[in-house]
Structures are given as structure tokens and as C-alpha cells.
C-alpha atoms as a PDB file:
ATOM      1  CA  MET A   1     160.440 -38.228  46.400  1.00  0.00           C
ATOM      2  CA  GLU A   2     161.406 -39.389  42.905  1.00  0.00           C
ATOM      3  CA  THR A   3     159.844 -37.144  40.084  1.00  0.00           C
ATOM      4  CA  TYR A   4     156.131 -38.562  39.113  1.00  0.00           C
ATOM      5  CA  LYS A   5     156.170 -39.789  35.244  1.00  0.00           C
ATOM      6  CA  PRO A   6     152.479 -39.496  34.112  1.00  0.00           C
ATOM      7  CA  ILE A   7     150.817 -42.866  32.929  1.00  0.00           C
ATOM      8  CA  ASP A   8     149.475 -43.686  29.360  1.00  0.00           C
ATOM      9  CA  CYS A   9     146.341 -42.225  28.603  1.00  0.00           C
ATOM     10  CA  ASN A  10     144.398 -45.517  27.889  1.00  0.00           C
ATOM     11  CA  PHE A  11     146.112 -46.974  30.080  1.00  0.00           C
ATOM     12  CA  TYR A  12     144.158 -44.810  32.848  1.00  0.00           C
ATOM     13  CA  ASP A  13     140.939 -45.523  31.159  1.00  0.00           C
ATOM     14  CA  VAL A  14     141.716 -49.630  31.939  1.00  0.00           C
ATOM     15  CA  LEU A  15     141.837 -48.297  35.529  1.00  0.00           C
ATOM     16  CA  GLU A  16     138.681 -46.003  35.172  1.00  0.00           C
ATOM     17  CA  ALA A  17     136.980 -49.045  34.123  1.00  0.00           C
ATOM     18  CA  ASN A  18     138.055 -51.154  36.689  1.00  0.00           C
ATOM     19  CA  ALA A  19     136.961 -48.998  39.411  1.00  0.00           C
ATOM     20  CA  THR A  20     133.746 -48.606  37.520  1.00  0.00           C
ATOM     21  CA  LYS A  21     133.275 -52.453  37.690  1.00  0.00           C
ATOM     22  CA  LYS A  22     134.243 -52.462  41.642  1.00  0.00           C
ATOM     23  CA  ARG A  23     135.371 -56.349  41.698  1.00  0.00           C
ATOM     24  CA  TYR A  24     138.740 -57.655  42.495  1.00  0.00           C
ATOM     25  CA  ILE A  25     141.579 -57.451  40.076  1.00  0.00           C
ATOM     26  CA  ARG A  26     145.029 -58.533  40.683  1.00  0.00           C
ATOM     27  CA  ILE A  27     148.173 -55.638  40.533  1.00  0.00           C
ATOM     28  CA  HIS A  28     151.046 -55.789  39.783  1.00  0.00           C
ATOM     29  CA  TYR A  29     153.113 -52.974  41.619  1.00  0.00           C
ATOM     30  CA  PHE A  30     156.614 -51.658  43.089  1.00  0.00           C
ATOM     31  CA  SER A  31     156.310 -50.617  46.439  1.00  0.00           C
ATOM     32  CA  ASP A  32     158.753 -46.821  47.261  1.00  0.00           C
ATOM     33  CA  ILE A  33     161.710 -49.068  47.920  1.00  0.00           C
ATOM     34  CA  GLN A  34     161.233 -51.185  44.815  1.00  0.00           C
ATOM     35  CA  GLU A  35     159.561 -54.325  46.166  1.00  0.00           C
ATOM     36  CA  PHE A  36     157.503 -56.214  43.382  1.00  0.00           C
ATOM     37  CA  LEU A  37     153.726 -56.548  45.063  1.00  0.00           C
ATOM     38  CA  THR A  38     151.157 -58.518  43.907  1.00  0.00           C
ATOM     39  CA  ILE A  39     147.103 -57.820  45.306  1.00  0.00           C
ATOM     40  CA  ASP A  40     144.178 -58.575  44.886  1.00  0.00           C
ATOM     41  CA  ALA A  41     141.494 -55.706  45.905  1.00  0.00           C
ATOM     42  CA  ILE A  42     139.277 -53.222  44.545  1.00  0.00           C
ATOM     43  CA  ILE A  43     140.084 -49.517  43.012  1.00  0.00           C
ATOM     44  CA  LYS A  44     137.781 -47.276  45.170  1.00  0.00           C
ATOM     45  CA  ASP A  45     139.469 -44.610  44.253  1.00  0.00           C
ATOM     46  CA  LEU A  46     141.825 -42.479  41.382  1.00  0.00           C
ATOM     47  CA  TYR A  47     142.930 -39.000  42.341  1.00  0.00           C
ATOM     48  CA  VAL A  48     145.786 -36.702  42.433  1.00  0.00           C
ATOM     49  CA  LYS A  49     147.595 -35.257  45.618  1.00  0.00           C
ATOM     50  CA  GLU A  50     150.259 -33.310  45.753  1.00  0.00           C
ATOM     51  CA  LYS A  51     150.833 -33.376  41.261  1.00  0.00           C
ATOM     52  CA  VAL A  52     150.593 -37.487  41.879  1.00  0.00           C
ATOM     53  CA  GLU A  53     148.521 -39.899  40.400  1.00  0.00           C
ATOM     54  CA  TYR A  54     147.303 -42.466  43.272  1.00  0.00           C
ATOM     55  CA  MET A  55     145.007 -45.072  43.258  1.00  0.00           C
ATOM     56  CA  LEU A  56     142.943 -46.053  46.229  1.00  0.00           C
ATOM     57  CA  LEU A  57     141.980 -49.613  47.387  1.00  0.00           C
ATOM     58  CA  ASN A  58     139.709 -51.176  48.922  1.00  0.00           C
ATOM     59  CA  THR A  59     141.954 -52.654  51.427  1.00  0.00           C
ATOM     60  CA  GLY A  60     143.303 -48.713  52.536  1.00  0.00           C
ATOM     61  CA  ASP A  61     146.378 -48.847  50.100  1.00  0.00           C
ATOM     62  CA  GLU A  62     147.648 -46.363  48.397  1.00  0.00           C
ATOM     63  CA  ILE A  63     149.488 -46.929  45.431  1.00  0.00           C
ATOM     64  CA  ARG A  64     151.063 -44.142  42.949  1.00  0.00           C
ATOM     65  CA  LEU A  65     150.495 -45.060  38.839  1.00  0.00           C
ATOM     66  CA  ASP A  66     153.548 -44.639  38.095  1.00  0.00           C
ATOM     67  CA  ARG A  67     154.745 -48.049  39.908  1.00  0.00           C
ATOM     68  CA  LEU A  68     152.291 -50.098  38.452  1.00  0.00           C
ATOM     69  CA  ILE A  69     153.208 -52.982  36.003  1.00  0.00           C
ATOM     70  CA  SER A  70     149.476 -54.361  35.543  1.00  0.00           C
ATOM     71  CA  VAL A  71     146.177 -54.560  36.515  1.00  0.00           C
ATOM     72  CA  ASP A  72     144.231 -57.221  35.966  1.00  0.00           C
ATOM     73  CA  GLY A  73     145.813 -58.922  33.562  1.00  0.00           C
ATOM     74  CA  GLN A  74     146.890 -55.863  31.196  1.00  0.00           C
ATOM     75  CA  THR A  75     150.420 -54.520  31.308  1.00  0.00           C
ATOM     76  CA  LEU A  76     150.885 -50.844  31.840  1.00  0.00           C
ATOM     77  CA  PRO A  77     152.719 -49.193  28.547  1.00  0.00           C
ATOM     78  CA  GLY A  78     156.532 -48.030  28.949  1.00  0.00           C
ATOM     79  CA  SER A  79     157.019 -50.315  32.124  1.00  0.00           C
ATOM     80  CA  GLY A  80     159.593 -51.933  30.747  1.00  0.00           C
ATOM     81  CA  PHE A  81     157.431 -55.222  31.465  1.00  0.00           C
ATOM     82  CA  SER A  82     155.176 -57.252  29.285  1.00  0.00           C
ATOM     83  CA  GLY A  83     153.465 -60.650  29.667  1.00  0.00           C
ATOM     84  CA  ILE A  84     154.396 -60.605  32.864  1.00  0.00           C
ATOM     85  CA  SER A  85     153.545 -63.723  34.634  1.00  0.00           C
ATOM     86  CA  CYS A  86     153.267 -64.806  38.300  1.00  0.00           C
ATOM     87  CA  ASP A  87     153.036 -68.273  39.879  1.00  0.00           C
ATOM     88  CA  CYS A  88     152.401 -67.260  43.197  1.00  0.00           C
ATOM     89  CA  ASP A  89     148.608 -67.109  43.524  1.00  0.00           C
END
């Protein structure tokens, strides 16, 4: 397992706000094998397991926070991606 890199604190606040709203949002992220994935889901929970932060979605998917690219149109600072868009609706 690769070393976890904590995400920007302000972006964590964005995740918490979206979890509180309980609405479907678009999430872009990399899988554990570096696949670029997009999912529309509700953030059900944010938690720490073995010193790694995760989000749990209503779909049952778990995403490591340091694999996020963007959430609800907001790009994770330091991800190396800015203004990412996808024509795959």
C-alpha cells in the first residue's frame, strides 16, 4: 500500500459540507490501480482507518481521499489537475 498523503484541510471542509447536504455529486478519482473513474453518489461518511482518510459513498464504494481529483466541480488542491472536465455524462 502506498503512503497516504493528507489532503488540504479546506478541501476536507468541502467534503464535510457535501456529506451534510446528502445530495448526489460527481466525483472524479483514481482507483488503487490508477484508473481514472467518475461516479455520481452521495457522501455517506468520512473516516480514518489505519491512519488513512476515506470517504464512504451510498454506493458502498470507499475512496481514499488522496486519490480524489475533484468533487462537485471543485478540484483538490495539489492534485496536479485544474479545471478538469469530462464529456462523459
